[in-house]
PDB file of N, CA and C in Angstrom:
ATOM      1  N   MET A   1     -32.579  -6.895 -18.469  1.00  0.00           N
ATOM      2  CA  MET A   1     -31.075  -6.902 -19.252  1.00  0.00           C
ATOM      3  C   MET A   1     -29.889  -7.510 -18.296  1.00  0.00           C
ATOM      4  N   THR A   2     -29.159  -8.484 -18.555  1.00  0.00           N
ATOM      5  CA  THR A   2     -28.380  -9.244 -18.196  1.00  0.00           C
ATOM      6  C   THR A   2     -26.842  -8.961 -18.630  1.00  0.00           C
ATOM      7  N   ILE A   3     -25.909  -8.846 -17.520  1.00  0.00           N
ATOM      8  CA  ILE A   3     -24.696  -8.509 -18.659  1.00  0.00           C
ATOM      9  C   ILE A   3     -23.821  -9.775 -17.712  1.00  0.00           C
ATOM     10  N   THR A   4     -22.979 -10.713 -18.765  1.00  0.00           N
ATOM     11  CA  THR A   4     -22.199 -11.650 -18.482  1.00  0.00           C
ATOM     12  C   THR A   4     -20.856 -11.448 -18.189  1.00  0.00           C
ATOM     13  N   ILE A   5     -19.816 -11.461 -17.356  1.00  0.00           N
ATOM     14  CA  ILE A   5     -18.614 -11.401 -17.771  1.00  0.00           C
ATOM     15  C   ILE A   5     -17.829 -12.576 -17.805  1.00  0.00           C
ATOM     16  N   SER A   6     -17.337 -12.606 -19.136  1.00  0.00           N
ATOM     17  CA  SER A   6     -16.434 -14.068 -19.515  1.00  0.00           C
ATOM     18  C   SER A   6     -15.253 -13.611 -18.509  1.00  0.00           C
ATOM     19  N   PRO A   7     -14.202 -14.721 -18.282  1.00  0.00           N
ATOM     20  CA  PRO A   7     -12.638 -14.228 -17.764  1.00  0.00           C
ATOM     21  C   PRO A   7     -11.927 -13.701 -18.761  1.00  0.00           C
ATOM     22  N   ALA A   8     -12.307 -13.568 -20.152  1.00  0.00           N
ATOM     23  CA  ALA A   8     -11.468 -12.818 -20.726  1.00  0.00           C
ATOM     24  C   ALA A   8     -11.834 -11.237 -20.938  1.00  0.00           C
ATOM     25  N   ASP A   9     -13.118 -11.214 -20.930  1.00  0.00           N
ATOM     26  CA  ASP A   9     -13.405  -9.834 -20.693  1.00  0.00           C
ATOM     27  C   ASP A   9     -13.045  -9.008 -18.962  1.00  0.00           C
ATOM     28  N   LEU A  10     -12.650 -10.278 -18.160  1.00  0.00           N
ATOM     29  CA  LEU A  10     -12.145  -9.386 -16.535  1.00  0.00           C
ATOM     30  C   LEU A  10     -10.999  -9.051 -16.987  1.00  0.00           C
ATOM     31  N   ASN A  11      -9.775  -9.712 -17.998  1.00  0.00           N
ATOM     32  CA  ASN A  11      -8.862  -9.173 -18.614  1.00  0.00           C
ATOM     33  C   ASN A  11      -8.803  -7.766 -18.732  1.00  0.00           C
ATOM     34  N   TYR A  12      -9.677  -7.369 -19.659  1.00  0.00           N
ATOM     35  CA  TYR A  12      -9.654  -6.186 -20.060  1.00  0.00           C
ATOM     36  C   TYR A  12      -9.979  -5.426 -19.200  1.00  0.00           C
ATOM     37  N   ILE A  13     -10.972  -5.483 -17.907  1.00  0.00           N
ATOM     38  CA  ILE A  13     -11.751  -4.660 -17.178  1.00  0.00           C
ATOM     39  C   ILE A  13     -10.278  -4.284 -16.083  1.00  0.00           C
ATOM     40  N   LEU A  14      -9.763  -5.372 -15.597  1.00  0.00           N
ATOM     41  CA  LEU A  14      -8.685  -5.102 -15.321  1.00  0.00           C
ATOM     42  C   LEU A  14      -7.256  -3.971 -15.495  1.00  0.00           C
ATOM     43  N   ALA A  15      -7.359  -4.812 -16.711  1.00  0.00           N
ATOM     44  CA  ALA A  15      -6.130  -3.447 -17.655  1.00  0.00           C
ATOM     45  C   ALA A  15      -6.858  -2.098 -17.456  1.00  0.00           C
ATOM     46  N   ILE A  16      -8.542  -1.954 -18.160  1.00  0.00           N
ATOM     47  CA  ILE A  16      -8.545  -0.298 -17.823  1.00  0.00           C
ATOM     48  C   ILE A  16      -8.094   0.169 -16.525  1.00  0.00           C
ATOM     49  N   LEU A  17      -8.823  -0.446 -15.105  1.00  0.00           N
ATOM     50  CA  LEU A  17      -8.308   0.086 -13.799  1.00  0.00           C
ATOM     51  C   LEU A  17      -7.432   0.166 -13.455  1.00  0.00           C
ATOM     52  N   ALA A  18      -6.335  -0.851 -13.936  1.00  0.00           N
ATOM     53  CA  ALA A  18      -4.848  -0.826 -13.878  1.00  0.00           C
ATOM     54  C   ALA A  18      -4.469   1.092 -14.373  1.00  0.00           C
ATOM     55  N   GLY A  19      -4.939   0.873 -15.331  1.00  0.00           N
ATOM     56  CA  GLY A  19      -4.389   2.142 -16.346  1.00  0.00           C
ATOM     57  C   GLY A  19      -4.927   3.278 -16.140  1.00  0.00           C
ATOM     58  N   VAL A  20      -6.140   3.617 -15.344  1.00  0.00           N
ATOM     59  CA  VAL A  20      -6.667   4.682 -14.411  1.00  0.00           C
ATOM     60  C   VAL A  20      -5.941   4.870 -13.295  1.00  0.00           C
ATOM     61  N   LEU A  21      -5.872   3.754 -12.500  1.00  0.00           N
ATOM     62  CA  LEU A  21      -4.960   3.764 -11.021  1.00  0.00           C
ATOM     63  C   LEU A  21      -3.383   4.295 -11.332  1.00  0.00           C
ATOM     64  N   ILE A  22      -2.742   4.020 -12.569  1.00  0.00           N
ATOM     65  CA  ILE A  22      -1.668   4.890 -13.184  1.00  0.00           C
ATOM     66  C   ILE A  22      -1.853   5.491 -13.284  1.00  0.00           C
ATOM     67  N   PHE A  23      -2.852   6.914 -13.949  1.00  0.00           N
ATOM     68  CA  PHE A  23      -2.798   7.532 -14.082  1.00  0.00           C
ATOM     69  C   PHE A  23      -2.602   8.676 -12.853  1.00  0.00           C
ATOM     70  N   ILE A  24      -3.674   8.336 -11.935  1.00  0.00           N
ATOM     71  CA  ILE A  24      -3.981   8.726 -10.595  1.00  0.00           C
ATOM     72  C   ILE A  24      -2.397   8.901  -9.732  1.00  0.00           C
ATOM     73  N   VAL A  25      -1.995   7.730  -9.533  1.00  0.00           N
ATOM     74  CA  VAL A  25      -1.236   7.687  -8.520  1.00  0.00           C
ATOM     75  C   VAL A  25       0.271   6.673  -9.599  1.00  0.00           C
ATOM     76  N   PRO A  26       0.864   7.526 -10.057  1.00  0.00           N
ATOM     77  CA  PRO A  26       1.935   6.309 -10.898  1.00  0.00           C
ATOM     78  C   PRO A  26       3.197   5.584  -9.964  1.00  0.00           C
ATOM     79  N   LYS A  27       3.224   5.782  -8.837  1.00  0.00           N
ATOM     80  CA  LYS A  27       4.101   5.045  -7.829  1.00  0.00           C
ATOM     81  C   LYS A  27       3.226   3.676  -7.749  1.00  0.00           C
ATOM     82  N   LEU A  28       2.257   3.676  -8.272  1.00  0.00           N
ATOM     83  CA  LEU A  28       1.483   2.432  -7.914  1.00  0.00           C
ATOM     84  C   LEU A  28       1.789   1.185  -9.094  1.00  0.00           C
ATOM     85  N   LEU A  29       2.605   1.926 -10.005  1.00  0.00           N
ATOM     86  CA  LEU A  29       2.649   0.537 -11.307  1.00  0.00           C
ATOM     87  C   LEU A  29       3.668  -0.506 -10.830  1.00  0.00           C
ATOM     88  N   ASN A  30       4.703  -0.168  -9.983  1.00  0.00           N
ATOM     89  CA  ASN A  30       4.560  -1.490  -9.682  1.00  0.00           C
ATOM     90  C   ASN A  30       4.338  -2.617  -8.889  1.00  0.00           C
ATOM     91  N   TYR A  31       3.290  -1.772  -8.182  1.00  0.00           N
ATOM     92  CA  TYR A  31       2.470  -3.263  -7.576  1.00  0.00           C
ATOM     93  C   TYR A  31       1.288  -3.485  -8.279  1.00  0.00           C
ATOM     94  N   ILE A  32       0.841  -2.848  -9.370  1.00  0.00           N
ATOM     95  CA  ILE A  32      -0.199  -3.018 -10.153  1.00  0.00           C
ATOM     96  C   ILE A  32       0.548  -4.291 -10.968  1.00  0.00           C
ATOM     97  N   VAL A  33       1.556  -4.018 -11.517  1.00  0.00           N
ATOM     98  CA  VAL A  33       2.136  -5.058 -12.543  1.00  0.00           C
ATOM     99  C   VAL A  33       2.372  -6.198 -11.847  1.00  0.00           C
ATOM    100  N   ALA A  34       2.967  -6.645 -11.114  1.00  0.00           N
ATOM    101  CA  ALA A  34       3.623  -7.112 -10.009  1.00  0.00           C
ATOM    102  C   ALA A  34       1.898  -8.211  -9.398  1.00  0.00           C
ATOM    103  N   ILE A  35       1.182  -7.342  -9.035  1.00  0.00           N
ATOM    104  CA  ILE A  35      -0.127  -8.081  -8.884  1.00  0.00           C
ATOM    105  C   ILE A  35      -0.943  -8.706 -10.146  1.00  0.00           C
ATOM    106  N   TYR A  36      -0.652  -8.195 -11.203  1.00  0.00           N
ATOM    107  CA  TYR A  36      -1.450  -8.644 -12.373  1.00  0.00           C
ATOM    108  C   TYR A  36      -1.046  -9.437 -12.840  1.00  0.00           C
ATOM    109  N   LEU A  37       0.449 -10.023 -13.069  1.00  0.00           N
ATOM    110  CA  LEU A  37       1.120 -11.112 -13.581  1.00  0.00           C
ATOM    111  C   LEU A  37       0.819 -12.226 -12.714  1.00  0.00           C
ATOM    112  N   ILE A  38       1.150 -11.937 -11.244  1.00  0.00           N
ATOM    113  CA  ILE A  38       0.499 -12.861 -10.704  1.00  0.00           C
ATOM    114  C   ILE A  38      -0.774 -13.342 -10.590  1.00  0.00           C
ATOM    115  N   VAL A  39      -1.707 -12.543 -10.597  1.00  0.00           N
ATOM    116  CA  VAL A  39      -2.991 -13.075 -11.188  1.00  0.00           C
ATOM    117  C   VAL A  39      -2.895 -13.932 -12.346  1.00  0.00           C
ATOM    118  N   ILE A  40      -2.700 -13.491 -13.210  1.00  0.00           N
ATOM    119  CA  ILE A  40      -2.306 -14.300 -14.821  1.00  0.00           C
ATOM    120  C   ILE A  40      -2.245 -15.563 -15.087  1.00  0.00           C
ATOM    121  N   GLY A  41      -0.786 -15.559 -13.953  1.00  0.00           N
ATOM    122  CA  GLY A  41      -0.175 -16.651 -13.418  1.00  0.00           C
ATOM    123  C   GLY A  41      -0.827 -17.623 -12.846  1.00  0.00           C
ATOM    124  N   LEU A  42      -1.040 -17.409 -12.016  1.00  0.00           N
ATOM    125  CA  LEU A  42      -2.279 -18.489 -10.982  1.00  0.00           C
ATOM    126  C   LEU A  42      -3.495 -18.848 -11.923  1.00  0.00           C
ATOM    127  N   ILE A  43      -3.756 -18.153 -12.893  1.00  0.00           N
ATOM    128  CA  ILE A  43      -5.616 -18.401 -13.512  1.00  0.00           C
ATOM    129  C   ILE A  43      -4.429 -19.134 -14.915  1.00  0.00           C
ATOM    130  N   GLY A  44      -3.277 -19.328 -15.060  1.00  0.00           N
ATOM    131  CA  GLY A  44      -2.742 -20.233 -15.981  1.00  0.00           C
ATOM    132  C   GLY A  44      -2.469 -21.351 -15.814  1.00  0.00           C
ATOM    133  N   LEU A  45      -2.198 -21.561 -14.528  1.00  0.00           N
ATOM    134  CA  LEU A  45      -1.568 -22.348 -13.710  1.00  0.00           C
ATOM    135  C   LEU A  45      -2.793 -23.451 -13.285  1.00  0.00           C
ATOM    136  N   PHE A  46      -3.678 -22.988 -13.051  1.00  0.00           N
ATOM    137  CA  PHE A  46      -4.844 -23.539 -12.432  1.00  0.00           C
ATOM    138  C   PHE A  46      -5.775 -23.667 -12.750  1.00  0.00           C
ATOM    139  N   GLY A  47      -5.772 -22.978 -14.075  1.00  0.00           N
ATOM    140  CA  GLY A  47      -7.236 -22.963 -15.287  1.00  0.00           C
ATOM    141  C   GLY A  47      -8.586 -22.344 -14.694  1.00  0.00           C
ATOM    142  N   LEU A  48      -8.367 -21.422 -13.535  1.00  0.00           N
ATOM    143  CA  LEU A  48      -9.467 -20.788 -12.937  1.00  0.00           C
ATOM    144  C   LEU A  48     -10.305 -20.251 -14.362  1.00  0.00           C
TER     145      LEU A  48
END
C-alpha cells in the first residue's frame, strides 16, 4: 500500500499540525501563521 501526498494534501497536514501546536503552545500562533503565509506565498509565486 502506497500513500501519495499531493500539494493540496500538504496544506491540510500543515493546518492540522499548526492547530495542534497552537493548542499546546498558544504563543506560537504568530510564528505559525507567519511561516504558513510565507510558505503559501512562495508556493503561489513559484508554482512549487
